[in-house]
Amino acid sequence: MDHSSLRVSHAVQNAALWNPATHISEGALPRAAKIWAEHVKSSDRRGLAATAVRTGVSEAAVRAGIAVDYRQNLY
């Protein structure tokens, strides 16, 4: 490759990612574990296993699972 060029991405520009006035405060954002737990709870899969998982999942359980995964796989 003998050259490169930069182009404007209108989607990124319109998102105003670098404009502090458009940022959401950190405390207002849901934690990933909460999003994942709600995602699992919203599943419409049928069966005993799916029902058990939906019933047992919680933000705290997902956080605990992530902590175990980090210890086992990232160290």
Protein backbone atom coordinates (compact mmCIF):
# COMPACT_ATOMS: atom_id res chain seq x y z
CA MET A 1 0.00 0.00 0.00
CA ASP A 2 1.49 3.31 -1.01
CA HIS A 3 -1.03 5.70 0.56
CA SER A 4 -3.83 6.01 3.02
CA SER A 5 -6.63 8.45 3.61
CA LEU A 6 -8.96 9.46 6.38
CA ARG A 7 -12.64 9.96 5.77
CA VAL A 8 -15.33 11.53 7.86
CA SER A 9 -17.76 9.07 9.39
CA HIS A 10 -21.01 10.98 9.68
CA ALA A 11 -22.40 8.43 12.15
CA VAL A 12 -19.44 8.91 14.50
CA GLN A 13 -19.51 12.67 13.99
CA ASN A 14 -23.24 12.87 14.72
CA ALA A 15 -22.86 10.69 17.81
CA ALA A 16 -20.80 13.49 19.41
CA LEU A 17 -18.70 10.94 21.29
CA TRP A 18 -16.09 13.51 22.28
CA ASN A 19 -18.57 16.15 23.42
CA PRO A 20 -18.67 16.12 27.24
CA ALA A 21 -22.12 17.75 27.18
CA THR A 22 -23.56 14.56 25.65
CA HIS A 23 -21.93 12.15 28.11
CA ILE A 24 -24.01 10.19 30.61
CA SER A 25 -22.77 10.20 34.18
CA GLU A 26 -21.06 6.98 35.19
CA GLY A 27 -23.57 6.29 37.94
CA ALA A 28 -26.47 6.46 35.47
CA LEU A 29 -25.17 3.61 33.34
CA PRO A 30 -26.25 0.06 34.18
CA ARG A 31 -23.49 -2.39 34.98
CA ALA A 32 -22.79 -5.11 32.42
CA ALA A 33 -23.85 -7.82 34.89
CA LYS A 34 -27.27 -6.21 35.23
CA ILE A 35 -27.69 -6.03 31.45
CA TRP A 36 -26.67 -9.68 31.04
CA ALA A 37 -28.97 -10.85 33.85
CA GLU A 38 -31.92 -8.97 32.35
CA HIS A 39 -31.08 -10.44 28.94
CA VAL A 40 -31.17 -13.98 30.34
CA LYS A 41 -34.43 -13.29 32.19
CA SER A 42 -36.04 -12.04 28.97
CA SER A 43 -35.38 -15.33 27.15
CA ASP A 44 -38.48 -17.13 25.90
CA ARG A 45 -36.80 -20.53 25.69
CA ARG A 46 -38.91 -23.30 27.10
CA GLY A 47 -38.01 -26.22 29.26
CA LEU A 48 -36.99 -26.97 32.80
CA ALA A 49 -33.36 -25.89 32.41
CA ALA A 50 -34.27 -22.56 30.80
CA THR A 51 -36.86 -21.87 33.49
CA ALA A 52 -34.36 -22.72 36.22
CA VAL A 53 -31.73 -20.41 34.74
CA ARG A 54 -34.22 -17.54 34.38
CA THR A 55 -35.37 -18.05 37.95
CA GLY A 56 -31.86 -18.24 39.41
CA VAL A 57 -30.11 -15.52 37.48
CA SER A 58 -29.41 -12.21 39.19
CA GLU A 59 -26.98 -9.36 38.83
CA ALA A 60 -25.08 -10.63 41.88
CA ALA A 61 -24.86 -14.16 40.44
CA VAL A 62 -23.56 -12.86 37.12
CA ARG A 63 -20.97 -10.66 38.89
CA ALA A 64 -19.83 -13.67 40.92
CA GLY A 65 -19.55 -15.77 37.77
CA ILE A 66 -17.52 -13.05 36.04
CA ALA A 67 -15.18 -12.85 39.05
CA VAL A 68 -14.59 -16.61 38.93
CA ASP A 69 -14.01 -16.49 35.18
CA TYR A 70 -11.48 -13.66 35.56
CA ARG A 71 -9.56 -15.56 38.24
CA GLN A 72 -9.49 -18.76 36.20
CA ASN A 73 -8.87 -17.34 32.75
CA LEU A 74 -7.17 -13.96 32.99
CA TYR A 75 -4.39 -14.55 35.52
